[in-house]
Amino acid sequence: MITYAPLFPILEKVESSLGLPNGFIESLEKEDDWSFIVKSHALIETMLTQVLTSKTDPRLENVFAKMAFTRGQTSKIKAAEALNLITEAMKDVIYLYSEIRNKYVHSVKYVTTNLVGYFQNMDSNVLQKYSGSIFRLLLTNPDEDDIKGMKNELLKSPKDILAVAVFIILGSLLFELHPIEKELAEKDLLENGLLIAFVLLLGLIWEQREANSQKKK
């Protein structure tokens, strides 16, 4: 299991920005898969609403709050993309994450379906796209082995991988909301927080790559 502790200083600031109790985001890893997906998705959407409001006009807060998150040309994610508030990788991961959330919310059968089963039943092409998008949160141009490693991790430990992706997106949105936090992170938190998460995630993939190499020998 991935250790999220290095990310918590940044996530505590996200909690403060959203008016959440300290430790709320950390507790998500202990939730069942259904609750984890629904709650973390809501966190991303709420954080994005705050960023959009901050970058435009406070009087538009209710307008942004009522906008669809990902669906349609007038959605929050389209507005964020137009304002250059999210990267292409963030956009892709949010779209894919929303697909999972919508299935979990709109079908009662998913209440008892764990994420391992969900990803194992996912269409191979969709899984390939999802794996590439998540890796691009960390590395701009992953190669085929990187994506293959990510696919294997998603099939084995999807909640761990999704948690890191969600936490990185929340941290990135925090930096847009409070640029000073980005400066602080670049000096301290990013170097010792997100970077460690990056290394941990790559470590999982390199471990898988090494295992594959051993099998070929």
N, C-alpha and C. Protein backbone atom coordinates (compact mmCIF):
# COMPACT_ATOMS: atom_id res chain seq x y z
N MET A 1 0.84 -1.21 0.00
CA MET A 1 0.00 0.00 0.00
C MET A 1 0.87 1.25 0.00
N ILE A 2 0.49 2.24 -0.78
CA ILE A 2 1.24 3.49 -0.85
C ILE A 2 1.04 4.30 0.43
N THR A 3 2.11 4.92 0.90
CA THR A 3 2.01 5.80 2.06
C THR A 3 1.73 7.22 1.58
N TYR A 4 0.63 7.79 2.03
CA TYR A 4 0.22 9.12 1.57
C TYR A 4 0.74 10.24 2.46
N ALA A 5 1.39 9.89 3.57
CA ALA A 5 1.78 10.89 4.57
C ALA A 5 2.52 12.10 4.00
N PRO A 6 3.43 11.93 3.02
CA PRO A 6 4.14 13.10 2.51
C PRO A 6 3.23 14.14 1.87
N LEU A 7 2.04 13.71 1.45
CA LEU A 7 1.12 14.64 0.78
C LEU A 7 0.26 15.42 1.76
N PHE A 8 0.17 14.97 3.01
CA PHE A 8 -0.80 15.54 3.94
C PHE A 8 -0.63 17.02 4.23
N PRO A 9 0.61 17.57 4.29
CA PRO A 9 0.71 19.02 4.52
C PRO A 9 -0.02 19.82 3.45
N ILE A 10 0.05 19.38 2.20
CA ILE A 10 -0.68 20.07 1.13
C ILE A 10 -2.17 19.84 1.26
N LEU A 11 -2.55 18.59 1.55
CA LEU A 11 -3.98 18.26 1.62
C LEU A 11 -4.66 18.93 2.80
N GLU A 12 -3.93 19.17 3.87
CA GLU A 12 -4.50 19.91 5.00
C GLU A 12 -4.89 21.32 4.59
N LYS A 13 -4.13 21.91 3.68
CA LYS A 13 -4.46 23.24 3.18
C LYS A 13 -5.68 23.18 2.26
N VAL A 14 -5.83 22.08 1.54
CA VAL A 14 -7.04 21.88 0.73
C VAL A 14 -8.24 21.80 1.65
N GLU A 15 -8.12 21.04 2.74
CA GLU A 15 -9.22 20.92 3.71
C GLU A 15 -9.59 22.27 4.28
N SER A 16 -8.60 23.06 4.63
CA SER A 16 -8.86 24.39 5.17
C SER A 16 -9.60 25.26 4.17
N SER A 17 -9.18 25.18 2.91
CA SER A 17 -9.81 25.98 1.85
C SER A 17 -11.28 25.60 1.66
N LEU A 18 -11.58 24.31 1.83
CA LEU A 18 -12.95 23.83 1.62
C LEU A 18 -13.78 23.83 2.90
N GLY A 19 -13.17 24.21 4.02
CA GLY A 19 -13.90 24.23 5.28
C GLY A 19 -14.14 22.84 5.84
N LEU A 20 -13.26 21.92 5.52
CA LEU A 20 -13.39 20.54 5.99
C LEU A 20 -12.58 20.33 7.26
N PRO A 21 -12.98 19.38 8.11
CA PRO A 21 -12.20 19.11 9.32
C PRO A 21 -10.84 18.52 8.97
N ASN A 22 -9.87 18.81 9.78
CA ASN A 22 -8.52 18.30 9.57
C ASN A 22 -8.53 16.77 9.57
N GLY A 23 -7.91 16.18 8.58
CA GLY A 23 -7.86 14.72 8.49
C GLY A 23 -8.93 14.10 7.63
N PHE A 24 -9.84 14.93 7.10
CA PHE A 24 -10.94 14.39 6.30
C PHE A 24 -10.42 13.66 5.06
N ILE A 25 -9.49 14.31 4.33
CA ILE A 25 -8.99 13.70 3.10
C ILE A 25 -8.17 12.45 3.41
N GLU A 26 -7.39 12.52 4.47
CA GLU A 26 -6.60 11.35 4.87
C GLU A 26 -7.50 10.15 5.14
N SER A 27 -8.68 10.42 5.72
CA SER A 27 -9.60 9.34 6.09
C SER A 27 -10.22 8.64 4.87
N LEU A 28 -10.11 9.26 3.70
CA LEU A 28 -10.72 8.65 2.51
C LEU A 28 -10.13 7.28 2.21
N GLU A 29 -8.86 7.10 2.50
CA GLU A 29 -8.22 5.81 2.19
C GLU A 29 -8.82 4.67 3.02
N LYS A 30 -9.52 5.02 4.11
CA LYS A 30 -10.12 4.00 4.96
C LYS A 30 -11.57 3.72 4.58
N GLU A 31 -12.11 4.50 3.65
CA GLU A 31 -13.50 4.33 3.22
C GLU A 31 -13.62 3.08 2.34
N ASP A 32 -14.85 2.55 2.27
CA ASP A 32 -15.09 1.51 1.27
C ASP A 32 -14.97 2.14 -0.11
N ASP A 33 -14.83 1.32 -1.13
CA ASP A 33 -14.54 1.83 -2.47
C ASP A 33 -15.63 2.76 -2.99
N TRP A 34 -16.88 2.43 -2.74
CA TRP A 34 -17.99 3.27 -3.21
C TRP A 34 -17.90 4.66 -2.60
N SER A 35 -17.72 4.71 -1.28
CA SER A 35 -17.65 6.00 -0.58
C SER A 35 -16.41 6.78 -1.01
N PHE A 36 -15.31 6.08 -1.21
CA PHE A 36 -14.07 6.73 -1.64
C PHE A 36 -14.28 7.43 -2.98
N ILE A 37 -14.89 6.75 -3.94
CA ILE A 37 -15.11 7.33 -5.26
C ILE A 37 -16.04 8.53 -5.18
N VAL A 38 -17.16 8.38 -4.52
CA VAL A 38 -18.17 9.45 -4.45
C VAL A 38 -17.62 10.68 -3.72
N LYS A 39 -16.97 10.48 -2.59
CA LYS A 39 -16.48 11.61 -1.78
C LYS A 39 -15.30 12.32 -2.45
N SER A 40 -14.37 11.55 -2.99
CA SER A 40 -13.20 12.19 -3.61
C SER A 40 -13.59 12.93 -4.88
N HIS A 41 -14.57 12.39 -5.61
CA HIS A 41 -15.08 13.08 -6.80
C HIS A 41 -15.71 14.41 -6.41
N ALA A 42 -16.48 14.40 -5.32
CA ALA A 42 -17.13 15.62 -4.84
C ALA A 42 -16.08 16.66 -4.41
N LEU A 43 -14.98 16.19 -3.83
CA LEU A 43 -13.91 17.10 -3.42
C LEU A 43 -13.30 17.81 -4.63
N ILE A 44 -13.03 17.04 -5.69
CA ILE A 44 -12.44 17.63 -6.88
C ILE A 44 -13.39 18.67 -7.48
N GLU A 45 -14.67 18.31 -7.58
CA GLU A 45 -15.64 19.24 -8.19
C GLU A 45 -15.77 20.51 -7.36
N THR A 46 -15.84 20.37 -6.04
CA THR A 46 -15.98 21.54 -5.18
C THR A 46 -14.75 22.42 -5.26
N MET A 47 -13.57 21.80 -5.28
CA MET A 47 -12.33 22.56 -5.37
C MET A 47 -12.26 23.30 -6.70
N LEU A 48 -12.69 22.65 -7.78
CA LEU A 48 -12.66 23.30 -9.09
C LEU A 48 -13.63 24.47 -9.13
N THR A 49 -14.79 24.34 -8.49
CA THR A 49 -15.75 25.44 -8.41
C THR A 49 -15.12 26.64 -7.72
N GLN A 50 -14.40 26.39 -6.64
CA GLN A 50 -13.73 27.49 -5.92
C GLN A 50 -12.69 28.17 -6.80
N VAL A 51 -11.94 27.37 -7.54
CA VAL A 51 -10.89 27.94 -8.40
C VAL A 51 -11.52 28.79 -9.49
N LEU A 52 -12.56 28.30 -10.13
CA LEU A 52 -13.23 29.06 -11.19
C LEU A 52 -13.78 30.38 -10.66
N THR A 53 -14.38 30.32 -9.49
CA THR A 53 -14.93 31.54 -8.87
C THR A 53 -13.83 32.54 -8.56
N SER A 54 -12.74 32.02 -8.01
CA SER A 54 -11.61 32.88 -7.63
C SER A 54 -10.99 33.55 -8.85
N LYS A 55 -10.94 32.85 -9.97
CA LYS A 55 -10.26 33.37 -11.16
C LYS A 55 -11.17 34.25 -12.03
N THR A 56 -12.45 34.33 -11.69
CA THR A 56 -13.38 35.14 -12.49
C THR A 56 -14.01 36.23 -11.63
N ASP A 57 -15.15 35.91 -11.01
CA ASP A 57 -15.89 36.90 -10.23
C ASP A 57 -16.64 36.18 -9.12
N PRO A 58 -16.49 36.59 -7.85
CA PRO A 58 -17.18 35.94 -6.74
C PRO A 58 -18.69 35.87 -6.92
N ARG A 59 -19.24 36.79 -7.70
CA ARG A 59 -20.69 36.80 -7.93
C ARG A 59 -21.14 35.61 -8.79
N LEU A 60 -20.19 34.93 -9.40
CA LEU A 60 -20.52 33.79 -10.26
C LEU A 60 -20.47 32.46 -9.51
N GLU A 61 -20.24 32.49 -8.20
CA GLU A 61 -20.10 31.26 -7.44
C GLU A 61 -21.30 30.33 -7.62
N ASN A 62 -22.51 30.87 -7.48
CA ASN A 62 -23.70 30.03 -7.62
C ASN A 62 -23.87 29.52 -9.05
N VAL A 63 -23.44 30.33 -10.01
CA VAL A 63 -23.51 29.90 -11.42
C VAL A 63 -22.61 28.70 -11.64
N PHE A 64 -21.36 28.80 -11.18
CA PHE A 64 -20.42 27.68 -11.34
C PHE A 64 -20.88 26.46 -10.55
N ALA A 65 -21.44 26.69 -9.37
CA ALA A 65 -21.88 25.57 -8.53
C ALA A 65 -22.97 24.75 -9.21
N LYS A 66 -23.80 25.41 -10.02
CA LYS A 66 -24.91 24.72 -10.68
C LYS A 66 -24.54 24.15 -12.04
N MET A 67 -23.37 24.49 -12.53
CA MET A 67 -22.93 23.96 -13.82
C MET A 67 -22.60 22.48 -13.71
N ALA A 68 -22.84 21.75 -14.79
CA ALA A 68 -22.42 20.35 -14.84
C ALA A 68 -20.91 20.28 -14.66
N PHE A 69 -20.43 19.21 -14.07
CA PHE A 69 -19.01 19.09 -13.80
C PHE A 69 -18.24 18.79 -15.09
N THR A 70 -18.61 17.74 -15.79
CA THR A 70 -17.83 17.33 -16.97
C THR A 70 -18.64 17.24 -18.26
N ARG A 71 -19.94 17.24 -18.17
CA ARG A 71 -20.76 17.00 -19.35
C ARG A 71 -21.12 18.29 -20.08
N GLY A 72 -20.90 18.30 -21.39
CA GLY A 72 -21.33 19.43 -22.21
C GLY A 72 -20.26 20.49 -22.38
N GLN A 73 -20.51 21.37 -23.33
CA GLN A 73 -19.57 22.44 -23.66
C GLN A 73 -19.60 23.59 -22.66
N THR A 74 -20.57 23.59 -21.76
CA THR A 74 -20.66 24.65 -20.74
C THR A 74 -20.41 24.09 -19.34
N SER A 75 -19.63 23.05 -19.25
CA SER A 75 -19.33 22.41 -17.97
C SER A 75 -18.19 23.11 -17.23
N LYS A 76 -18.03 22.78 -15.98
CA LYS A 76 -16.92 23.34 -15.18
C LYS A 76 -15.58 23.00 -15.81
N ILE A 77 -15.43 21.78 -16.24
CA ILE A 77 -14.13 21.37 -16.77
C ILE A 77 -13.80 22.09 -18.07
N LYS A 78 -14.81 22.39 -18.88
CA LYS A 78 -14.58 23.16 -20.11
C LYS A 78 -14.18 24.59 -19.78
N ALA A 79 -14.82 25.16 -18.77
CA ALA A 79 -14.47 26.52 -18.34
C ALA A 79 -13.05 26.55 -17.81
N ALA A 80 -12.69 25.54 -17.01
CA ALA A 80 -11.34 25.48 -16.45
C ALA A 80 -10.30 25.31 -17.55
N GLU A 81 -10.65 24.52 -18.54
CA GLU A 81 -9.73 24.31 -19.67
C GLU A 81 -9.53 25.61 -20.45
N ALA A 82 -10.60 26.35 -20.67
CA ALA A 82 -10.52 27.61 -21.40
C ALA A 82 -9.67 28.64 -20.67
N LEU A 83 -9.69 28.57 -19.35
CA LEU A 83 -8.93 29.52 -18.53
C LEU A 83 -7.53 28.99 -18.19
N ASN A 84 -7.16 27.85 -18.77
CA ASN A 84 -5.84 27.23 -18.53
C ASN A 84 -5.59 26.94 -17.06
N LEU A 85 -6.64 26.47 -16.38
CA LEU A 85 -6.52 26.17 -14.96
C LEU A 85 -6.20 24.71 -14.70
N ILE A 86 -6.32 23.87 -15.71
CA ILE A 86 -6.01 22.46 -15.57
C ILE A 86 -5.16 22.01 -16.75
N THR A 87 -4.35 21.01 -16.53
CA THR A 87 -3.54 20.45 -17.60
C THR A 87 -4.37 19.44 -18.38
N GLU A 88 -3.84 19.04 -19.53
CA GLU A 88 -4.52 18.04 -20.35
C GLU A 88 -4.65 16.73 -19.59
N ALA A 89 -3.60 16.36 -18.87
CA ALA A 89 -3.63 15.12 -18.10
C ALA A 89 -4.68 15.19 -16.99
N MET A 90 -4.76 16.33 -16.30
CA MET A 90 -5.78 16.50 -15.26
C MET A 90 -7.17 16.37 -15.85
N LYS A 91 -7.38 16.99 -16.99
CA LYS A 91 -8.69 16.93 -17.65
C LYS A 91 -9.06 15.49 -17.98
N ASP A 92 -8.13 14.75 -18.57
CA ASP A 92 -8.40 13.37 -18.95
C ASP A 92 -8.72 12.50 -17.74
N VAL A 93 -7.94 12.67 -16.67
CA VAL A 93 -8.16 11.86 -15.47
C VAL A 93 -9.51 12.21 -14.83
N ILE A 94 -9.86 13.49 -14.80
CA ILE A 94 -11.15 13.90 -14.24
C ILE A 94 -12.29 13.31 -15.05
N TYR A 95 -12.18 13.35 -16.39
CA TYR A 95 -13.22 12.75 -17.23
C TYR A 95 -13.39 11.26 -16.91
N LEU A 96 -12.27 10.56 -16.87
CA LEU A 96 -12.33 9.12 -16.63
C LEU A 96 -12.82 8.82 -15.21
N TYR A 97 -12.38 9.63 -14.25
CA TYR A 97 -12.81 9.44 -12.86
C TYR A 97 -14.31 9.66 -12.74
N SER A 98 -14.82 10.65 -13.48
CA SER A 98 -16.25 10.93 -13.45
C SER A 98 -17.07 9.78 -14.03
N GLU A 99 -16.50 9.10 -15.02
CA GLU A 99 -17.19 7.94 -15.58
C GLU A 99 -17.40 6.87 -14.51
N ILE A 100 -16.37 6.63 -13.71
CA ILE A 100 -16.50 5.65 -12.63
C ILE A 100 -17.54 6.12 -11.61
N ARG A 101 -17.43 7.38 -11.22
CA ARG A 101 -18.36 7.93 -10.22
C ARG A 101 -19.79 7.84 -10.68
N ASN A 102 -20.06 8.17 -11.95
CA ASN A 102 -21.42 8.15 -12.46
C ASN A 102 -22.00 6.74 -12.48
N LYS A 103 -21.16 5.76 -12.80
CA LYS A 103 -21.63 4.38 -12.76
C LYS A 103 -21.91 3.95 -11.33
N TYR A 104 -21.06 4.36 -10.41
CA TYR A 104 -21.26 4.00 -9.00
C TYR A 104 -22.53 4.63 -8.44
N VAL A 105 -22.80 5.85 -8.84
CA VAL A 105 -23.95 6.57 -8.29
C VAL A 105 -25.27 6.13 -8.91
N HIS A 106 -25.24 5.86 -10.21
CA HIS A 106 -26.48 5.61 -10.93
C HIS A 106 -26.89 4.15 -11.02
N SER A 107 -26.09 3.27 -10.46
CA SER A 107 -26.45 1.85 -10.45
C SER A 107 -26.18 1.27 -9.08
N VAL A 108 -27.24 0.77 -8.42
CA VAL A 108 -27.11 0.29 -7.06
C VAL A 108 -26.19 -0.93 -6.97
N LYS A 109 -26.00 -1.64 -8.08
CA LYS A 109 -25.16 -2.84 -8.04
C LYS A 109 -23.71 -2.50 -7.70
N TYR A 110 -23.29 -1.25 -7.97
CA TYR A 110 -21.91 -0.87 -7.71
C TYR A 110 -21.63 -0.57 -6.24
N VAL A 111 -22.68 -0.50 -5.41
CA VAL A 111 -22.49 -0.24 -3.99
C VAL A 111 -21.61 -1.31 -3.37
N THR A 112 -21.74 -2.54 -3.85
CA THR A 112 -20.96 -3.65 -3.29
C THR A 112 -19.85 -4.10 -4.23
N THR A 113 -19.60 -3.35 -5.30
CA THR A 113 -18.54 -3.71 -6.24
C THR A 113 -17.25 -2.99 -5.87
N ASN A 114 -16.19 -3.76 -5.65
CA ASN A 114 -14.92 -3.10 -5.32
C ASN A 114 -14.20 -2.67 -6.58
N LEU A 115 -13.25 -1.79 -6.41
CA LEU A 115 -12.55 -1.22 -7.56
C LEU A 115 -11.71 -2.24 -8.31
N VAL A 116 -11.21 -3.25 -7.62
CA VAL A 116 -10.45 -4.30 -8.30
C VAL A 116 -11.34 -4.97 -9.34
N GLY A 117 -12.55 -5.34 -8.93
CA GLY A 117 -13.48 -5.96 -9.87
C GLY A 117 -13.88 -5.02 -10.99
N TYR A 118 -14.03 -3.75 -10.65
CA TYR A 118 -14.43 -2.76 -11.65
C TYR A 118 -13.37 -2.67 -12.76
N PHE A 119 -12.12 -2.55 -12.37
CA PHE A 119 -11.06 -2.41 -13.37
C PHE A 119 -10.81 -3.70 -14.12
N GLN A 120 -10.98 -4.83 -13.46
CA GLN A 120 -10.78 -6.10 -14.14
C GLN A 120 -11.84 -6.33 -15.22
N ASN A 121 -13.00 -5.71 -15.05
CA ASN A 121 -14.07 -5.83 -16.03
C ASN A 121 -14.08 -4.67 -17.03
N MET A 122 -13.15 -3.76 -16.91
CA MET A 122 -13.10 -2.60 -17.78
C MET A 122 -12.62 -2.99 -19.18
N ASP A 123 -13.18 -2.35 -20.19
CA ASP A 123 -12.74 -2.55 -21.55
C ASP A 123 -11.24 -2.28 -21.65
N SER A 124 -10.53 -3.12 -22.37
CA SER A 124 -9.07 -3.02 -22.45
C SER A 124 -8.60 -1.68 -23.00
N ASN A 125 -9.31 -1.14 -23.99
CA ASN A 125 -8.93 0.14 -24.57
C ASN A 125 -9.13 1.29 -23.59
N VAL A 126 -10.22 1.22 -22.83
CA VAL A 126 -10.49 2.24 -21.82
C VAL A 126 -9.44 2.18 -20.72
N LEU A 127 -9.09 0.96 -20.31
CA LEU A 127 -8.06 0.78 -19.28
C LEU A 127 -6.72 1.33 -19.76
N GLN A 128 -6.41 1.10 -21.03
CA GLN A 128 -5.17 1.62 -21.61
C GLN A 128 -5.15 3.15 -21.56
N LYS A 129 -6.26 3.76 -21.94
CA LYS A 129 -6.36 5.22 -21.93
C LYS A 129 -6.26 5.76 -20.51
N TYR A 130 -6.95 5.13 -19.58
CA TYR A 130 -6.93 5.54 -18.19
C TYR A 130 -5.51 5.47 -17.64
N SER A 131 -4.81 4.38 -17.93
CA SER A 131 -3.44 4.19 -17.43
C SER A 131 -2.51 5.28 -17.95
N GLY A 132 -2.63 5.59 -19.23
CA GLY A 132 -1.79 6.63 -19.80
C GLY A 132 -2.08 8.00 -19.21
N SER A 133 -3.37 8.30 -19.00
CA SER A 133 -3.76 9.60 -18.46
C SER A 133 -3.23 9.80 -17.05
N ILE A 134 -3.35 8.76 -16.22
CA ILE A 134 -2.88 8.87 -14.84
C ILE A 134 -1.36 9.05 -14.82
N PHE A 135 -0.66 8.30 -15.66
CA PHE A 135 0.79 8.42 -15.66
C PHE A 135 1.23 9.81 -16.10
N ARG A 136 0.46 10.43 -17.00
CA ARG A 136 0.84 11.77 -17.49
C ARG A 136 0.64 12.85 -16.44
N LEU A 137 -0.03 12.53 -15.34
CA LEU A 137 -0.04 13.46 -14.22
C LEU A 137 1.37 13.61 -13.65
N LEU A 138 2.17 12.59 -13.88
CA LEU A 138 3.50 12.52 -13.29
C LEU A 138 4.61 12.67 -14.32
N LEU A 139 4.40 12.11 -15.49
CA LEU A 139 5.44 12.10 -16.51
C LEU A 139 4.80 12.40 -17.86
N THR A 140 5.34 13.39 -18.57
CA THR A 140 4.69 13.88 -19.80
C THR A 140 4.57 12.83 -20.88
N ASN A 141 5.63 12.08 -21.10
CA ASN A 141 5.63 11.13 -22.22
C ASN A 141 5.96 9.71 -21.75
N PRO A 142 5.02 9.03 -21.12
CA PRO A 142 5.28 7.64 -20.70
C PRO A 142 5.44 6.73 -21.91
N ASP A 143 6.30 5.73 -21.78
CA ASP A 143 6.44 4.78 -22.87
C ASP A 143 5.49 3.60 -22.64
N GLU A 144 5.55 2.62 -23.54
CA GLU A 144 4.62 1.50 -23.47
C GLU A 144 4.80 0.70 -22.18
N ASP A 145 6.04 0.55 -21.73
CA ASP A 145 6.28 -0.18 -20.49
C ASP A 145 5.70 0.55 -19.28
N ASP A 146 5.83 1.89 -19.29
CA ASP A 146 5.25 2.69 -18.20
C ASP A 146 3.74 2.46 -18.12
N ILE A 147 3.07 2.55 -19.26
CA ILE A 147 1.62 2.40 -19.30
C ILE A 147 1.22 0.98 -18.93
N LYS A 148 2.00 0.01 -19.40
CA LYS A 148 1.71 -1.39 -19.05
C LYS A 148 1.83 -1.59 -17.54
N GLY A 149 2.88 -1.00 -16.96
CA GLY A 149 3.05 -1.09 -15.51
C GLY A 149 1.90 -0.46 -14.76
N MET A 150 1.44 0.70 -15.25
CA MET A 150 0.32 1.38 -14.62
C MET A 150 -0.94 0.53 -14.72
N LYS A 151 -1.16 -0.09 -15.87
CA LYS A 151 -2.32 -0.97 -16.04
C LYS A 151 -2.29 -2.10 -15.02
N ASN A 152 -1.13 -2.68 -14.84
CA ASN A 152 -1.01 -3.78 -13.88
C ASN A 152 -1.32 -3.32 -12.47
N GLU A 153 -0.86 -2.11 -12.12
CA GLU A 153 -1.13 -1.58 -10.78
C GLU A 153 -2.60 -1.24 -10.60
N LEU A 154 -3.22 -0.72 -11.66
CA LEU A 154 -4.65 -0.42 -11.57
C LEU A 154 -5.47 -1.69 -11.38
N LEU A 155 -5.03 -2.77 -11.98
CA LEU A 155 -5.73 -4.04 -11.83
C LEU A 155 -5.50 -4.65 -10.45
N LYS A 156 -4.34 -4.35 -9.87
CA LYS A 156 -3.99 -4.94 -8.59
C LYS A 156 -4.37 -4.05 -7.40
N SER A 157 -4.04 -2.76 -7.50
CA SER A 157 -4.26 -1.83 -6.37
C SER A 157 -4.88 -0.52 -6.87
N PRO A 158 -6.08 -0.57 -7.46
CA PRO A 158 -6.66 0.63 -8.06
C PRO A 158 -6.91 1.77 -7.09
N LYS A 159 -7.30 1.46 -5.87
CA LYS A 159 -7.60 2.52 -4.91
C LYS A 159 -6.36 3.32 -4.57
N ASP A 160 -5.23 2.66 -4.42
CA ASP A 160 -3.98 3.35 -4.14
C ASP A 160 -3.62 4.31 -5.27
N ILE A 161 -3.73 3.82 -6.51
CA ILE A 161 -3.37 4.65 -7.66
C ILE A 161 -4.33 5.81 -7.81
N LEU A 162 -5.63 5.56 -7.65
CA LEU A 162 -6.62 6.63 -7.77
C LEU A 162 -6.44 7.66 -6.67
N ALA A 163 -6.09 7.21 -5.47
CA ALA A 163 -5.88 8.15 -4.36
C ALA A 163 -4.75 9.11 -4.68
N VAL A 164 -3.64 8.60 -5.19
CA VAL A 164 -2.51 9.47 -5.55
C VAL A 164 -2.93 10.45 -6.63
N ALA A 165 -3.68 9.96 -7.64
CA ALA A 165 -4.14 10.84 -8.73
C ALA A 165 -5.04 11.94 -8.19
N VAL A 166 -5.99 11.58 -7.34
CA VAL A 166 -6.90 12.57 -6.76
C VAL A 166 -6.15 13.59 -5.92
N PHE A 167 -5.22 13.10 -5.10
CA PHE A 167 -4.48 14.00 -4.22
C PHE A 167 -3.63 14.99 -5.03
N ILE A 168 -3.03 14.51 -6.12
CA ILE A 168 -2.22 15.40 -6.96
C ILE A 168 -3.11 16.45 -7.63
N ILE A 169 -4.30 16.05 -8.09
CA ILE A 169 -5.22 17.01 -8.71
C ILE A 169 -5.67 18.04 -7.69
N LEU A 170 -5.99 17.62 -6.48
CA LEU A 170 -6.40 18.56 -5.44
C LEU A 170 -5.27 19.53 -5.11
N GLY A 171 -4.05 19.00 -5.03
CA GLY A 171 -2.91 19.87 -4.76
C GLY A 171 -2.68 20.88 -5.87
N SER A 172 -2.84 20.45 -7.12
CA SER A 172 -2.66 21.35 -8.26
C SER A 172 -3.71 22.45 -8.25
N LEU A 173 -4.95 22.11 -7.90
CA LEU A 173 -6.01 23.11 -7.84
C LEU A 173 -5.78 24.08 -6.69
N LEU A 174 -5.23 23.58 -5.59
CA LEU A 174 -4.89 24.46 -4.47
C LEU A 174 -3.90 25.52 -4.92
N PHE A 175 -2.91 25.11 -5.73
CA PHE A 175 -1.90 26.04 -6.19
C PHE A 175 -2.52 27.13 -7.08
N GLU A 176 -3.56 26.77 -7.83
CA GLU A 176 -4.25 27.78 -8.64
C GLU A 176 -5.05 28.72 -7.76
N LEU A 177 -5.62 28.18 -6.69
CA LEU A 177 -6.44 28.99 -5.78
C LEU A 177 -5.58 29.91 -4.93
N HIS A 178 -4.44 29.41 -4.50
CA HIS A 178 -3.54 30.17 -3.64
C HIS A 178 -2.12 30.05 -4.19
N PRO A 179 -1.74 30.90 -5.14
CA PRO A 179 -0.41 30.81 -5.77
C PRO A 179 0.75 30.80 -4.77
N ILE A 180 0.57 31.46 -3.63
CA ILE A 180 1.65 31.49 -2.65
C ILE A 180 1.95 30.09 -2.15
N GLU A 181 0.91 29.22 -2.12
CA GLU A 181 1.12 27.85 -1.68
C GLU A 181 2.02 27.11 -2.67
N LYS A 182 1.92 27.46 -3.93
CA LYS A 182 2.79 26.83 -4.93
C LYS A 182 4.24 27.21 -4.69
N GLU A 183 4.46 28.48 -4.34
CA GLU A 183 5.83 28.92 -4.05
C GLU A 183 6.39 28.18 -2.85
N LEU A 184 5.56 28.02 -1.82
CA LEU A 184 6.00 27.30 -0.64
C LEU A 184 6.26 25.83 -0.97
N ALA A 185 5.38 25.26 -1.78
CA ALA A 185 5.52 23.85 -2.15
C ALA A 185 6.78 23.61 -2.94
N GLU A 186 7.09 24.55 -3.83
CA GLU A 186 8.29 24.39 -4.64
C GLU A 186 9.54 24.39 -3.76
N LYS A 187 9.47 25.10 -2.65
CA LYS A 187 10.62 25.18 -1.75
C LYS A 187 10.67 23.99 -0.79
N ASP A 188 9.48 23.48 -0.43
CA ASP A 188 9.47 22.47 0.62
C ASP A 188 8.51 21.32 0.33
N LEU A 189 7.21 21.61 0.33
CA LEU A 189 6.22 20.55 0.27
C LEU A 189 6.30 19.73 -1.01
N LEU A 190 6.49 20.39 -2.13
CA LEU A 190 6.54 19.65 -3.38
C LEU A 190 7.76 18.75 -3.41
N GLU A 191 8.88 19.28 -2.98
CA GLU A 191 10.10 18.50 -3.00
C GLU A 191 10.00 17.29 -2.08
N ASN A 192 9.32 17.45 -0.96
CA ASN A 192 9.26 16.37 0.02
C ASN A 192 7.91 15.67 0.07
N GLY A 193 6.95 16.18 -0.70
CA GLY A 193 5.62 15.58 -0.67
C GLY A 193 5.24 14.95 -1.98
N LEU A 194 4.84 15.77 -2.95
CA LEU A 194 4.41 15.23 -4.23
C LEU A 194 5.53 14.47 -4.91
N LEU A 195 6.76 14.93 -4.73
CA LEU A 195 7.87 14.23 -5.36
C LEU A 195 8.01 12.83 -4.79
N ILE A 196 7.81 12.69 -3.48
CA ILE A 196 7.90 11.37 -2.87
C ILE A 196 6.78 10.48 -3.39
N ALA A 197 5.58 11.04 -3.53
CA ALA A 197 4.47 10.27 -4.09
C ALA A 197 4.80 9.81 -5.51
N PHE A 198 5.43 10.71 -6.25
CA PHE A 198 5.85 10.39 -7.61
C PHE A 198 6.83 9.21 -7.61
N VAL A 199 7.80 9.26 -6.72
CA VAL A 199 8.79 8.20 -6.64
C VAL A 199 8.15 6.88 -6.22
N LEU A 200 7.24 6.95 -5.26
CA LEU A 200 6.56 5.75 -4.80
C LEU A 200 5.77 5.10 -5.92
N LEU A 201 5.08 5.92 -6.69
CA LEU A 201 4.26 5.40 -7.78
C LEU A 201 5.14 4.81 -8.87
N LEU A 202 6.21 5.51 -9.22
CA LEU A 202 7.13 4.97 -10.20
C LEU A 202 7.78 3.70 -9.69
N GLY A 203 8.01 3.64 -8.39
CA GLY A 203 8.62 2.45 -7.80
C GLY A 203 7.77 1.21 -8.03
N LEU A 204 6.47 1.38 -7.90
CA LEU A 204 5.57 0.27 -8.16
C LEU A 204 5.71 -0.23 -9.60
N ILE A 205 5.80 0.73 -10.50
CA ILE A 205 5.88 0.39 -11.92
C ILE A 205 7.23 -0.24 -12.25
N TRP A 206 8.29 0.33 -11.70
CA TRP A 206 9.62 -0.24 -11.95
C TRP A 206 9.71 -1.65 -11.37
N GLU A 207 9.07 -1.86 -10.24
CA GLU A 207 9.06 -3.19 -9.62
C GLU A 207 8.40 -4.19 -10.56
N GLN A 208 7.29 -3.77 -11.17
CA GLN A 208 6.59 -4.63 -12.10
C GLN A 208 7.44 -4.88 -13.34
N ARG A 209 8.12 -3.82 -13.81
CA ARG A 209 8.96 -3.95 -15.00
C ARG A 209 10.10 -4.93 -14.73
N GLU A 210 10.69 -4.86 -13.55
CA GLU A 210 11.77 -5.76 -13.19
C GLU A 210 11.27 -7.20 -13.13
N ALA A 211 10.07 -7.37 -12.58
CA ALA A 211 9.48 -8.70 -12.51
C ALA A 211 9.26 -9.27 -13.90
N ASN A 212 8.80 -8.42 -14.81
CA ASN A 212 8.58 -8.87 -16.20
C ASN A 212 9.90 -9.26 -16.85
N SER A 213 10.96 -8.50 -16.57
CA SER A 213 12.27 -8.79 -17.15
C SER A 213 12.80 -10.13 -16.66
N GLN A 214 12.56 -10.41 -15.37
CA GLN A 214 13.02 -11.67 -14.81
C GLN A 214 12.31 -12.86 -15.45
N LYS A 215 11.02 -12.65 -15.77
CA LYS A 215 10.26 -13.73 -16.38
C LYS A 215 10.77 -14.07 -17.77
N LYS A 216 11.27 -13.04 -18.47
CA LYS A 216 11.75 -13.23 -19.85
C LYS A 216 13.10 -13.97 -19.88
N LYS A 217 13.83 -13.92 -18.77
CA LYS A 217 15.16 -14.54 -18.73
C LYS A 217 15.06 -16.06 -18.60
